[in-house]
Amino acid sequence: MNFKFKKYWRKTGLKGKWGNILLEIIEEKNPKHFLEIGVFCGVTSRNVCELLNKIHNGNFTFTGIDLFGENSIIDIQEKKPEYILSQKFSNPIKHFYYNYILKENLNSKKSVEKFLRKFKNKIQLIQGDSNTVLKTIDLKHIDFAFIDGGHSYKTTYSDIEIIYNSMKSKKGTIVCDDYEDASYITDVKKAIDDFSRKNKLKLNVINGKFAVIYT
């Protein structure tokens, strides 16, 4: 399927080729129940939903977890990637349009819900910290997870552990972003390596960016 990653005029953490690589992995694994931790402005979410909708003719589900600007519960050890820190666009037209005309916070739950409204019957967006949320929701049907949420060691390890334990009785795929990110974020790689070593899992690392775990 010739399906390419689109930015939809919004901010996204996946740049250049990486969005297409993620979509290629998803298409290969053909999941029906997708979980994304770290929705940000919903660009990856929208691309995933568009792809799954085509593959499964509408028969899919998508669950997204994000703080959606809820800063009060962020652990002081968390490290935010730089692109999350502000809603300043390099494109002045985008900056003016979203900040002064729409006055819309693209990382708000309301904005992302509006952006994904064509799939409103297929999606569930949950606002909160994944350290808490993942322990309270039903994950038994999830067969693919994309982890790009909190970047502390604690959060990364916990996210992987909970999702892996829910998937290990079936074939599933976990893709962790930022395996080897900028030098100021090193906890992600350490958490992934420690979890894989403890559970005797072989990692498929793609160009230092994505770490893929198969269950």
N, C-alpha and C. Protein backbone atom coordinates (compact mmCIF):
# COMPACT_ATOMS: atom_id res chain seq x y z
N MET A 1 0.84 -1.18 0.00
CA MET A 1 0.00 0.00 0.00
C MET A 1 0.89 1.25 0.00
N ASN A 2 0.67 2.10 -0.95
CA ASN A 2 1.50 3.32 -1.07
C ASN A 2 0.92 4.42 -0.19
N PHE A 3 1.22 4.33 1.11
CA PHE A 3 0.66 5.26 2.08
C PHE A 3 1.79 6.04 2.72
N LYS A 4 1.79 7.35 2.60
CA LYS A 4 2.87 8.18 3.09
C LYS A 4 2.44 9.02 4.29
N PHE A 5 3.37 9.22 5.20
CA PHE A 5 3.14 9.99 6.42
C PHE A 5 2.91 11.46 6.08
N LYS A 6 1.82 12.02 6.61
CA LYS A 6 1.48 13.42 6.37
C LYS A 6 1.59 14.21 7.68
N LYS A 7 2.01 15.46 7.57
CA LYS A 7 2.16 16.31 8.76
C LYS A 7 0.91 17.12 9.07
N TYR A 8 0.02 17.26 8.13
CA TYR A 8 -1.28 17.92 8.35
C TYR A 8 -1.16 19.33 8.94
N TRP A 9 -0.07 20.01 8.64
CA TRP A 9 0.08 21.41 9.06
C TRP A 9 0.11 21.56 10.59
N ARG A 10 0.56 20.52 11.28
CA ARG A 10 0.65 20.56 12.73
C ARG A 10 2.06 20.14 13.15
N LYS A 11 2.38 20.36 14.44
CA LYS A 11 3.68 19.96 14.95
C LYS A 11 3.71 18.45 15.20
N THR A 12 4.86 17.84 14.92
CA THR A 12 5.00 16.40 15.14
C THR A 12 6.41 16.07 15.55
N GLY A 13 6.55 15.02 16.35
CA GLY A 13 7.87 14.58 16.78
C GLY A 13 8.56 13.70 15.76
N LEU A 14 7.82 13.17 14.80
CA LEU A 14 8.42 12.32 13.77
C LEU A 14 8.76 13.18 12.56
N LYS A 15 10.03 13.24 12.24
CA LYS A 15 10.48 14.07 11.14
C LYS A 15 10.98 13.21 9.98
N GLY A 16 10.96 13.78 8.81
CA GLY A 16 11.55 13.13 7.64
C GLY A 16 11.02 11.74 7.39
N LYS A 17 11.93 10.79 7.32
CA LYS A 17 11.60 9.42 6.94
C LYS A 17 10.94 8.61 8.05
N TRP A 18 11.02 9.11 9.28
CA TRP A 18 10.64 8.26 10.41
C TRP A 18 9.15 7.94 10.45
N GLY A 19 8.33 8.87 10.06
CA GLY A 19 6.90 8.59 10.01
C GLY A 19 6.60 7.47 9.04
N ASN A 20 7.25 7.48 7.88
CA ASN A 20 7.03 6.44 6.89
C ASN A 20 7.54 5.09 7.37
N ILE A 21 8.66 5.08 8.08
CA ILE A 21 9.18 3.82 8.61
C ILE A 21 8.20 3.22 9.62
N LEU A 22 7.65 4.07 10.49
CA LEU A 22 6.67 3.56 11.46
C LEU A 22 5.46 2.98 10.74
N LEU A 23 4.96 3.68 9.73
CA LEU A 23 3.80 3.18 8.99
C LEU A 23 4.11 1.87 8.29
N GLU A 24 5.33 1.71 7.81
CA GLU A 24 5.72 0.45 7.16
C GLU A 24 5.70 -0.71 8.16
N ILE A 25 6.17 -0.44 9.39
CA ILE A 25 6.14 -1.48 10.43
C ILE A 25 4.69 -1.86 10.75
N ILE A 26 3.84 -0.84 10.89
CA ILE A 26 2.44 -1.08 11.20
C ILE A 26 1.77 -1.88 10.09
N GLU A 27 2.02 -1.50 8.85
CA GLU A 27 1.40 -2.22 7.73
C GLU A 27 1.87 -3.68 7.69
N GLU A 28 3.14 -3.90 7.98
CA GLU A 28 3.66 -5.26 7.98
C GLU A 28 3.01 -6.11 9.07
N LYS A 29 2.81 -5.54 10.25
CA LYS A 29 2.27 -6.30 11.38
C LYS A 29 0.74 -6.36 11.38
N ASN A 30 0.10 -5.44 10.66
CA ASN A 30 -1.34 -5.51 10.44
C ASN A 30 -2.17 -5.55 11.73
N PRO A 31 -1.91 -4.65 12.68
CA PRO A 31 -2.66 -4.69 13.94
C PRO A 31 -4.09 -4.16 13.77
N LYS A 32 -4.95 -4.51 14.71
CA LYS A 32 -6.33 -4.01 14.69
C LYS A 32 -6.63 -3.13 15.90
N HIS A 33 -5.81 -3.26 16.95
CA HIS A 33 -6.07 -2.51 18.18
C HIS A 33 -4.77 -1.82 18.61
N PHE A 34 -4.72 -0.53 18.37
CA PHE A 34 -3.48 0.24 18.47
C PHE A 34 -3.48 1.12 19.72
N LEU A 35 -2.32 1.19 20.38
CA LEU A 35 -2.15 2.05 21.55
C LEU A 35 -0.99 3.00 21.28
N GLU A 36 -1.21 4.28 21.51
CA GLU A 36 -0.14 5.27 21.41
C GLU A 36 0.00 6.00 22.73
N ILE A 37 1.21 6.00 23.26
CA ILE A 37 1.50 6.76 24.47
C ILE A 37 2.34 7.96 24.06
N GLY A 38 1.81 9.15 24.26
CA GLY A 38 2.46 10.37 23.81
C GLY A 38 1.86 10.84 22.50
N VAL A 39 0.63 11.32 22.57
CA VAL A 39 -0.11 11.72 21.37
C VAL A 39 0.37 13.05 20.81
N PHE A 40 0.80 13.94 21.70
CA PHE A 40 1.25 15.29 21.34
C PHE A 40 0.14 16.01 20.57
N CYS A 41 0.34 16.39 19.32
CA CYS A 41 -0.69 17.12 18.56
C CYS A 41 -1.53 16.22 17.67
N GLY A 42 -1.31 14.92 17.76
CA GLY A 42 -2.18 13.97 17.06
C GLY A 42 -1.78 13.62 15.65
N VAL A 43 -0.61 14.07 15.18
CA VAL A 43 -0.22 13.81 13.79
C VAL A 43 0.04 12.33 13.55
N THR A 44 0.82 11.71 14.43
CA THR A 44 1.05 10.26 14.29
C THR A 44 -0.26 9.51 14.44
N SER A 45 -1.08 9.93 15.40
CA SER A 45 -2.38 9.30 15.61
C SER A 45 -3.24 9.32 14.35
N ARG A 46 -3.28 10.47 13.70
CA ARG A 46 -4.09 10.62 12.49
C ARG A 46 -3.57 9.71 11.37
N ASN A 47 -2.26 9.68 11.19
CA ASN A 47 -1.68 8.82 10.17
C ASN A 47 -1.96 7.35 10.45
N VAL A 48 -1.83 6.94 11.70
CA VAL A 48 -2.10 5.56 12.07
C VAL A 48 -3.56 5.20 11.81
N CYS A 49 -4.47 6.07 12.21
CA CYS A 49 -5.89 5.81 12.00
C CYS A 49 -6.24 5.75 10.52
N GLU A 50 -5.66 6.63 9.73
CA GLU A 50 -5.91 6.60 8.29
C GLU A 50 -5.43 5.28 7.70
N LEU A 51 -4.25 4.82 8.10
CA LEU A 51 -3.71 3.57 7.58
C LEU A 51 -4.55 2.37 8.03
N LEU A 52 -4.85 2.29 9.32
CA LEU A 52 -5.63 1.16 9.82
C LEU A 52 -7.03 1.14 9.22
N ASN A 53 -7.58 2.31 9.00
CA ASN A 53 -8.90 2.40 8.37
C ASN A 53 -8.89 1.79 6.97
N LYS A 54 -7.82 2.06 6.23
CA LYS A 54 -7.69 1.50 4.89
C LYS A 54 -7.46 -0.01 4.93
N ILE A 55 -6.58 -0.44 5.82
CA ILE A 55 -6.24 -1.86 5.90
C ILE A 55 -7.44 -2.70 6.32
N HIS A 56 -8.18 -2.21 7.31
CA HIS A 56 -9.23 -3.02 7.92
C HIS A 56 -10.64 -2.54 7.59
N ASN A 57 -10.74 -1.64 6.63
CA ASN A 57 -12.05 -1.15 6.21
C ASN A 57 -12.88 -0.66 7.39
N GLY A 58 -12.22 0.10 8.25
CA GLY A 58 -12.92 0.70 9.39
C GLY A 58 -13.00 -0.15 10.63
N ASN A 59 -12.56 -1.40 10.56
CA ASN A 59 -12.67 -2.31 11.71
C ASN A 59 -11.38 -2.29 12.53
N PHE A 60 -11.20 -1.24 13.31
CA PHE A 60 -10.01 -1.09 14.14
C PHE A 60 -10.36 -0.22 15.34
N THR A 61 -9.46 -0.21 16.33
CA THR A 61 -9.60 0.71 17.46
C THR A 61 -8.26 1.39 17.71
N PHE A 62 -8.33 2.60 18.24
CA PHE A 62 -7.14 3.37 18.57
C PHE A 62 -7.32 3.97 19.95
N THR A 63 -6.34 3.76 20.82
CA THR A 63 -6.32 4.37 22.15
C THR A 63 -5.09 5.25 22.27
N GLY A 64 -5.29 6.50 22.66
CA GLY A 64 -4.18 7.42 22.83
C GLY A 64 -4.13 7.98 24.24
N ILE A 65 -2.95 7.98 24.82
CA ILE A 65 -2.75 8.49 26.18
C ILE A 65 -1.76 9.66 26.14
N ASP A 66 -2.12 10.75 26.79
CA ASP A 66 -1.24 11.92 26.82
C ASP A 66 -1.64 12.80 27.99
N LEU A 67 -0.71 13.60 28.46
CA LEU A 67 -1.04 14.59 29.49
C LEU A 67 -1.92 15.70 28.92
N PHE A 68 -1.83 15.94 27.62
CA PHE A 68 -2.61 16.99 26.96
C PHE A 68 -2.52 18.32 27.71
N GLY A 69 -1.29 18.66 28.09
CA GLY A 69 -1.08 19.96 28.76
C GLY A 69 -1.32 19.95 30.24
N GLU A 70 -1.66 18.81 30.81
CA GLU A 70 -1.92 18.72 32.25
C GLU A 70 -0.59 18.61 32.98
N ASN A 71 -0.01 19.74 33.34
CA ASN A 71 1.35 19.77 33.86
C ASN A 71 1.48 19.40 35.33
N SER A 72 0.40 19.44 36.06
CA SER A 72 0.50 19.32 37.51
C SER A 72 0.99 17.95 37.97
N ILE A 73 0.83 16.94 37.11
CA ILE A 73 1.21 15.60 37.57
C ILE A 73 2.50 15.11 36.93
N ILE A 74 3.21 15.99 36.25
CA ILE A 74 4.46 15.57 35.63
C ILE A 74 5.53 15.34 36.69
N ASP A 75 6.17 14.20 36.66
CA ASP A 75 7.27 13.87 37.56
C ASP A 75 8.43 14.84 37.29
N ILE A 76 9.07 15.31 38.34
CA ILE A 76 10.16 16.26 38.16
C ILE A 76 11.34 15.63 37.43
N GLN A 77 11.39 14.30 37.37
CA GLN A 77 12.47 13.63 36.67
C GLN A 77 12.21 13.50 35.17
N GLU A 78 11.00 13.81 34.74
CA GLU A 78 10.69 13.68 33.32
C GLU A 78 11.50 14.68 32.50
N LYS A 79 11.80 14.28 31.29
CA LYS A 79 12.56 15.13 30.38
C LYS A 79 11.73 15.30 29.12
N LYS A 80 11.35 16.53 28.85
CA LYS A 80 10.53 16.79 27.67
C LYS A 80 11.41 17.01 26.44
N PRO A 81 11.11 16.30 25.34
CA PRO A 81 11.81 16.63 24.09
C PRO A 81 11.57 18.10 23.74
N GLU A 82 12.52 18.71 23.07
CA GLU A 82 12.47 20.14 22.82
C GLU A 82 11.25 20.58 22.02
N TYR A 83 10.76 19.73 21.10
CA TYR A 83 9.65 20.15 20.26
C TYR A 83 8.34 20.29 21.02
N ILE A 84 8.27 19.80 22.26
CA ILE A 84 7.05 19.90 23.06
C ILE A 84 7.01 21.20 23.85
N LEU A 85 8.14 21.84 24.04
CA LEU A 85 8.24 22.93 25.01
C LEU A 85 7.49 24.20 24.62
N SER A 86 7.21 24.41 23.33
CA SER A 86 6.49 25.62 22.94
C SER A 86 5.67 25.37 21.68
N GLN A 87 4.74 26.25 21.43
CA GLN A 87 3.94 26.16 20.21
C GLN A 87 4.38 27.26 19.26
N LYS A 88 5.67 27.33 19.07
CA LYS A 88 6.22 28.30 18.13
C LYS A 88 6.64 27.58 16.86
N PHE A 89 6.05 27.95 15.74
CA PHE A 89 6.33 27.32 14.46
C PHE A 89 7.42 28.10 13.73
N SER A 90 8.28 27.37 13.01
CA SER A 90 9.27 28.04 12.17
C SER A 90 8.58 28.75 11.00
N ASN A 91 7.44 28.21 10.60
CA ASN A 91 6.63 28.84 9.56
C ASN A 91 5.80 29.95 10.20
N PRO A 92 6.04 31.21 9.86
CA PRO A 92 5.33 32.33 10.52
C PRO A 92 3.83 32.31 10.26
N ILE A 93 3.41 31.77 9.11
CA ILE A 93 1.97 31.70 8.81
C ILE A 93 1.29 30.74 9.78
N LYS A 94 1.91 29.58 10.00
CA LYS A 94 1.36 28.61 10.95
C LYS A 94 1.32 29.21 12.35
N HIS A 95 2.41 29.86 12.72
CA HIS A 95 2.49 30.46 14.05
C HIS A 95 1.36 31.47 14.26
N PHE A 96 1.15 32.33 13.30
CA PHE A 96 0.10 33.35 13.41
C PHE A 96 -1.28 32.71 13.40
N TYR A 97 -1.47 31.71 12.52
CA TYR A 97 -2.78 31.07 12.36
C TYR A 97 -3.24 30.38 13.65
N TYR A 98 -2.37 29.57 14.24
CA TYR A 98 -2.78 28.80 15.41
C TYR A 98 -2.75 29.62 16.70
N ASN A 99 -1.78 30.51 16.82
CA ASN A 99 -1.63 31.24 18.08
C ASN A 99 -2.45 32.51 18.18
N TYR A 100 -2.76 33.12 17.03
CA TYR A 100 -3.44 34.42 17.08
C TYR A 100 -4.82 34.42 16.43
N ILE A 101 -5.05 33.56 15.45
CA ILE A 101 -6.38 33.49 14.83
C ILE A 101 -7.24 32.44 15.53
N LEU A 102 -6.76 31.19 15.52
CA LEU A 102 -7.54 30.14 16.19
C LEU A 102 -7.38 30.19 17.71
N LYS A 103 -6.23 30.66 18.17
CA LYS A 103 -5.90 30.64 19.59
C LYS A 103 -6.13 29.24 20.15
N GLU A 104 -5.58 28.27 19.44
CA GLU A 104 -5.82 26.86 19.75
C GLU A 104 -4.53 26.18 20.19
N ASN A 105 -4.57 25.55 21.34
CA ASN A 105 -3.45 24.76 21.82
C ASN A 105 -3.53 23.39 21.14
N LEU A 106 -2.61 23.11 20.23
CA LEU A 106 -2.68 21.89 19.44
C LEU A 106 -2.45 20.64 20.26
N ASN A 107 -1.88 20.79 21.46
CA ASN A 107 -1.67 19.64 22.32
C ASN A 107 -2.80 19.46 23.33
N SER A 108 -3.87 20.21 23.20
CA SER A 108 -5.01 20.02 24.09
C SER A 108 -5.83 18.82 23.62
N LYS A 109 -6.51 18.19 24.55
CA LYS A 109 -7.36 17.05 24.20
C LYS A 109 -8.46 17.48 23.24
N LYS A 110 -9.02 18.65 23.47
CA LYS A 110 -10.09 19.17 22.61
C LYS A 110 -9.61 19.33 21.17
N SER A 111 -8.40 19.87 20.99
CA SER A 111 -7.86 20.07 19.65
C SER A 111 -7.59 18.75 18.95
N VAL A 112 -7.02 17.79 19.67
CA VAL A 112 -6.72 16.49 19.06
C VAL A 112 -8.00 15.73 18.73
N GLU A 113 -9.00 15.82 19.61
CA GLU A 113 -10.29 15.18 19.31
C GLU A 113 -10.91 15.75 18.05
N LYS A 114 -10.82 17.06 17.89
CA LYS A 114 -11.35 17.69 16.68
C LYS A 114 -10.58 17.23 15.45
N PHE A 115 -9.27 17.12 15.59
CA PHE A 115 -8.41 16.69 14.49
C PHE A 115 -8.70 15.25 14.06
N LEU A 116 -9.11 14.41 15.01
CA LEU A 116 -9.38 12.99 14.73
C LEU A 116 -10.88 12.70 14.62
N ARG A 117 -11.69 13.72 14.44
CA ARG A 117 -13.15 13.54 14.54
C ARG A 117 -13.72 12.56 13.52
N LYS A 118 -13.08 12.39 12.37
CA LYS A 118 -13.61 11.46 11.37
C LYS A 118 -13.54 10.02 11.87
N PHE A 119 -12.75 9.78 12.93
CA PHE A 119 -12.63 8.43 13.49
C PHE A 119 -13.21 8.37 14.91
N LYS A 120 -14.12 9.28 15.22
CA LYS A 120 -14.56 9.42 16.61
C LYS A 120 -15.17 8.16 17.19
N ASN A 121 -15.73 7.29 16.36
CA ASN A 121 -16.31 6.04 16.86
C ASN A 121 -15.28 4.93 17.02
N LYS A 122 -14.05 5.21 16.61
CA LYS A 122 -13.00 4.19 16.66
C LYS A 122 -11.93 4.51 17.70
N ILE A 123 -11.92 5.74 18.20
CA ILE A 123 -10.81 6.18 19.04
C ILE A 123 -11.24 6.45 20.48
N GLN A 124 -10.25 6.36 21.36
CA GLN A 124 -10.42 6.74 22.76
C GLN A 124 -9.17 7.52 23.17
N LEU A 125 -9.35 8.77 23.55
CA LEU A 125 -8.24 9.58 24.03
C LEU A 125 -8.37 9.73 25.55
N ILE A 126 -7.29 9.43 26.24
CA ILE A 126 -7.30 9.46 27.70
C ILE A 126 -6.26 10.45 28.19
N GLN A 127 -6.70 11.39 29.00
CA GLN A 127 -5.79 12.39 29.55
C GLN A 127 -5.25 11.93 30.89
N GLY A 128 -3.93 11.87 31.00
CA GLY A 128 -3.34 11.47 32.26
C GLY A 128 -1.94 10.93 32.07
N ASP A 129 -1.32 10.60 33.20
CA ASP A 129 0.04 10.07 33.24
C ASP A 129 -0.03 8.57 32.97
N SER A 130 0.77 8.09 32.03
CA SER A 130 0.73 6.66 31.68
C SER A 130 1.10 5.78 32.86
N ASN A 131 1.90 6.29 33.80
CA ASN A 131 2.23 5.52 35.00
C ASN A 131 0.97 5.11 35.76
N THR A 132 -0.05 5.95 35.69
CA THR A 132 -1.32 5.67 36.37
C THR A 132 -2.35 5.07 35.42
N VAL A 133 -2.50 5.67 34.24
CA VAL A 133 -3.55 5.28 33.31
C VAL A 133 -3.44 3.83 32.86
N LEU A 134 -2.24 3.38 32.55
CA LEU A 134 -2.07 2.02 32.02
C LEU A 134 -2.51 0.95 33.00
N LYS A 135 -2.51 1.29 34.29
CA LYS A 135 -2.92 0.32 35.31
C LYS A 135 -4.44 0.26 35.46
N THR A 136 -5.14 1.17 34.82
CA THR A 136 -6.59 1.26 35.03
C THR A 136 -7.41 0.91 33.78
N ILE A 137 -6.77 0.75 32.62
CA ILE A 137 -7.54 0.49 31.40
C ILE A 137 -7.32 -0.95 30.92
N ASP A 138 -8.25 -1.43 30.13
CA ASP A 138 -8.20 -2.79 29.60
C ASP A 138 -7.29 -2.83 28.38
N LEU A 139 -6.20 -3.57 28.50
CA LEU A 139 -5.22 -3.67 27.42
C LEU A 139 -5.24 -5.02 26.71
N LYS A 140 -6.18 -5.87 27.06
CA LYS A 140 -6.11 -7.25 26.57
C LYS A 140 -6.21 -7.37 25.06
N HIS A 141 -6.84 -6.39 24.40
CA HIS A 141 -6.99 -6.48 22.94
C HIS A 141 -5.86 -5.77 22.19
N ILE A 142 -5.07 -4.98 22.87
CA ILE A 142 -4.02 -4.22 22.20
C ILE A 142 -3.00 -5.17 21.57
N ASP A 143 -2.72 -4.98 20.27
CA ASP A 143 -1.72 -5.82 19.61
C ASP A 143 -0.58 -5.02 18.99
N PHE A 144 -0.60 -3.69 19.15
CA PHE A 144 0.51 -2.85 18.70
C PHE A 144 0.54 -1.61 19.58
N ALA A 145 1.72 -1.27 20.07
CA ALA A 145 1.87 -0.07 20.90
C ALA A 145 3.04 0.76 20.41
N PHE A 146 2.83 2.06 20.34
CA PHE A 146 3.89 3.01 20.02
C PHE A 146 4.12 3.86 21.24
N ILE A 147 5.32 3.76 21.83
CA ILE A 147 5.63 4.43 23.09
C ILE A 147 6.51 5.64 22.83
N ASP A 148 5.96 6.82 23.11
CA ASP A 148 6.70 8.07 22.95
C ASP A 148 6.20 9.07 23.98
N GLY A 149 6.03 8.59 25.20
CA GLY A 149 5.48 9.43 26.26
C GLY A 149 6.55 10.02 27.14
N GLY A 150 6.44 9.76 28.46
CA GLY A 150 7.45 10.26 29.39
C GLY A 150 8.80 9.66 29.07
N HIS A 151 9.86 10.47 29.19
CA HIS A 151 11.19 10.04 28.80
C HIS A 151 12.12 9.76 29.99
N SER A 152 11.56 9.68 31.19
CA SER A 152 12.37 9.28 32.34
C SER A 152 12.55 7.77 32.32
N TYR A 153 13.54 7.29 33.04
CA TYR A 153 13.78 5.85 33.14
C TYR A 153 12.54 5.15 33.72
N LYS A 154 12.02 5.71 34.81
CA LYS A 154 10.88 5.10 35.50
C LYS A 154 9.68 4.94 34.58
N THR A 155 9.32 6.01 33.88
CA THR A 155 8.13 5.97 33.02
C THR A 155 8.33 5.05 31.83
N THR A 156 9.49 5.15 31.18
CA THR A 156 9.75 4.30 30.02
C THR A 156 9.71 2.83 30.40
N TYR A 157 10.37 2.48 31.47
CA TYR A 157 10.40 1.08 31.91
C TYR A 157 9.00 0.59 32.28
N SER A 158 8.26 1.41 33.03
CA SER A 158 6.92 1.04 33.45
C SER A 158 5.98 0.85 32.26
N ASP A 159 6.04 1.78 31.31
CA ASP A 159 5.18 1.66 30.12
C ASP A 159 5.44 0.36 29.38
N ILE A 160 6.71 0.06 29.14
CA ILE A 160 7.06 -1.16 28.42
C ILE A 160 6.62 -2.40 29.20
N GLU A 161 6.89 -2.40 30.49
CA GLU A 161 6.58 -3.57 31.31
C GLU A 161 5.09 -3.89 31.32
N ILE A 162 4.26 -2.88 31.53
CA ILE A 162 2.81 -3.10 31.59
C ILE A 162 2.28 -3.58 30.24
N ILE A 163 2.72 -2.93 29.17
CA ILE A 163 2.24 -3.31 27.84
C ILE A 163 2.75 -4.69 27.44
N TYR A 164 4.01 -4.95 27.71
CA TYR A 164 4.57 -6.26 27.36
C TYR A 164 3.83 -7.38 28.09
N ASN A 165 3.56 -7.20 29.38
CA ASN A 165 2.86 -8.23 30.14
C ASN A 165 1.45 -8.47 29.62
N SER A 166 0.83 -7.43 29.06
CA SER A 166 -0.52 -7.61 28.50
C SER A 166 -0.49 -8.28 27.14
N MET A 167 0.66 -8.25 26.48
CA MET A 167 0.78 -8.78 25.11
C MET A 167 1.47 -10.14 25.03
N LYS A 168 2.20 -10.55 26.04
CA LYS A 168 3.12 -11.66 25.88
C LYS A 168 2.46 -13.01 25.61
N SER A 169 1.15 -13.08 25.84
CA SER A 169 0.44 -14.33 25.53
C SER A 169 -0.05 -14.37 24.09
N LYS A 170 0.19 -13.30 23.34
CA LYS A 170 -0.21 -13.26 21.93
C LYS A 170 0.87 -12.54 21.13
N LYS A 171 0.76 -12.60 19.83
CA LYS A 171 1.73 -11.90 19.00
C LYS A 171 1.41 -10.41 18.97
N GLY A 172 2.35 -9.64 19.40
CA GLY A 172 2.16 -8.19 19.39
C GLY A 172 3.47 -7.49 19.12
N THR A 173 3.39 -6.18 18.93
CA THR A 173 4.57 -5.39 18.60
C THR A 173 4.59 -4.13 19.45
N ILE A 174 5.75 -3.83 20.02
CA ILE A 174 5.96 -2.59 20.76
C ILE A 174 7.08 -1.82 20.07
N VAL A 175 6.79 -0.59 19.68
CA VAL A 175 7.81 0.27 19.08
C VAL A 175 8.07 1.43 20.04
N CYS A 176 9.32 1.56 20.47
CA CYS A 176 9.71 2.65 21.37
C CYS A 176 10.47 3.70 20.58
N ASP A 177 10.04 4.93 20.68
CA ASP A 177 10.72 6.02 19.99
C ASP A 177 11.88 6.55 20.84
N ASP A 178 12.77 7.30 20.19
CA ASP A 178 13.86 8.00 20.87
C ASP A 178 14.82 7.05 21.59
N TYR A 179 15.08 5.88 21.00
CA TYR A 179 16.02 4.94 21.62
C TYR A 179 17.38 5.58 21.81
N GLU A 180 17.87 6.23 20.78
CA GLU A 180 19.11 7.00 20.89
C GLU A 180 18.80 8.42 20.45
N ASP A 181 18.26 9.18 21.38
CA ASP A 181 17.85 10.55 21.07
C ASP A 181 19.02 11.49 21.35
N ALA A 182 18.71 12.76 21.36
CA ALA A 182 19.73 13.77 21.68
C ALA A 182 20.38 13.43 23.02
N SER A 183 21.58 13.90 23.23
CA SER A 183 22.39 13.49 24.37
C SER A 183 21.73 13.79 25.72
N TYR A 184 20.81 14.76 25.73
CA TYR A 184 20.20 15.12 27.02
C TYR A 184 19.13 14.13 27.46
N ILE A 185 18.73 13.20 26.59
CA ILE A 185 17.78 12.16 26.97
C ILE A 185 18.47 10.81 26.81
N THR A 186 18.92 10.23 27.91
CA THR A 186 19.60 8.94 27.86
C THR A 186 18.83 7.85 28.60
N ASP A 187 17.86 8.23 29.40
CA ASP A 187 17.13 7.25 30.22
C ASP A 187 16.31 6.29 29.38
N VAL A 188 15.83 6.73 28.23
CA VAL A 188 14.99 5.88 27.39
C VAL A 188 15.76 4.64 26.96
N LYS A 189 16.95 4.83 26.42
CA LYS A 189 17.77 3.69 25.97
C LYS A 189 18.10 2.76 27.13
N LYS A 190 18.47 3.32 28.26
CA LYS A 190 18.82 2.49 29.42
C LYS A 190 17.63 1.66 29.89
N ALA A 191 16.44 2.26 29.93
CA ALA A 191 15.25 1.54 30.36
C ALA A 191 14.92 0.40 29.40
N ILE A 192 14.99 0.67 28.10
CA ILE A 192 14.70 -0.35 27.10
C ILE A 192 15.72 -1.49 27.18
N ASP A 193 16.99 -1.14 27.29
CA ASP A 193 18.05 -2.15 27.38
C ASP A 193 17.88 -3.00 28.63
N ASP A 194 17.60 -2.37 29.76
CA ASP A 194 17.45 -3.11 31.02
C ASP A 194 16.26 -4.05 30.95
N PHE A 195 15.13 -3.57 30.41
CA PHE A 195 13.95 -4.43 30.33
C PHE A 195 14.21 -5.61 29.39
N SER A 196 14.82 -5.35 28.27
CA SER A 196 15.09 -6.41 27.30
C SER A 196 16.05 -7.44 27.88
N ARG A 197 17.06 -6.98 28.58
CA ARG A 197 18.03 -7.89 29.18
C ARG A 197 17.36 -8.75 30.26
N LYS A 198 16.56 -8.13 31.10
CA LYS A 198 15.89 -8.86 32.19
C LYS A 198 14.96 -9.93 31.64
N ASN A 199 14.28 -9.63 30.54
CA ASN A 199 13.30 -10.57 29.98
C ASN A 199 13.85 -11.39 28.81
N LYS A 200 15.15 -11.27 28.59
CA LYS A 200 15.85 -12.04 27.55
C LYS A 200 15.21 -11.84 26.18
N LEU A 201 14.99 -10.56 25.85
CA LEU A 201 14.36 -10.21 24.58
C LEU A 201 15.41 -9.65 23.63
N LYS A 202 15.26 -9.96 22.36
CA LYS A 202 16.13 -9.41 21.35
C LYS A 202 15.50 -8.17 20.75
N LEU A 203 16.24 -7.08 20.78
CA LEU A 203 15.73 -5.82 20.23
C LEU A 203 16.05 -5.71 18.76
N ASN A 204 15.11 -5.15 18.01
CA ASN A 204 15.37 -4.76 16.64
C ASN A 204 15.46 -3.24 16.64
N VAL A 205 16.68 -2.72 16.58
CA VAL A 205 16.88 -1.27 16.62
C VAL A 205 17.04 -0.75 15.20
N ILE A 206 16.21 0.21 14.84
CA ILE A 206 16.20 0.76 13.48
C ILE A 206 16.92 2.09 13.46
N ASN A 207 18.12 2.08 12.91
CA ASN A 207 18.93 3.28 12.75
C ASN A 207 19.06 4.10 14.03
N GLY A 208 19.04 3.43 15.17
CA GLY A 208 19.21 4.12 16.44
C GLY A 208 17.99 4.90 16.91
N LYS A 209 16.94 4.93 16.14
CA LYS A 209 15.75 5.74 16.45
C LYS A 209 14.66 4.92 17.13
N PHE A 210 14.19 3.87 16.46
CA PHE A 210 13.13 3.03 16.99
C PHE A 210 13.72 1.74 17.56
N ALA A 211 13.24 1.33 18.74
CA ALA A 211 13.55 0.03 19.29
C ALA A 211 12.27 -0.80 19.24
N VAL A 212 12.32 -1.92 18.55
CA VAL A 212 11.13 -2.74 18.32
C VAL A 212 11.22 -4.01 19.15
N ILE A 213 10.17 -4.28 19.92
CA ILE A 213 10.07 -5.48 20.74
C ILE A 213 8.89 -6.30 20.24
N TYR A 214 9.14 -7.57 19.95
CA TYR A 214 8.06 -8.48 19.53
C TYR A 214 7.71 -9.40 20.67
N THR A 215 6.43 -9.62 20.90
CA THR A 215 6.00 -10.48 22.01
C THR A 215 5.59 -11.84 21.50
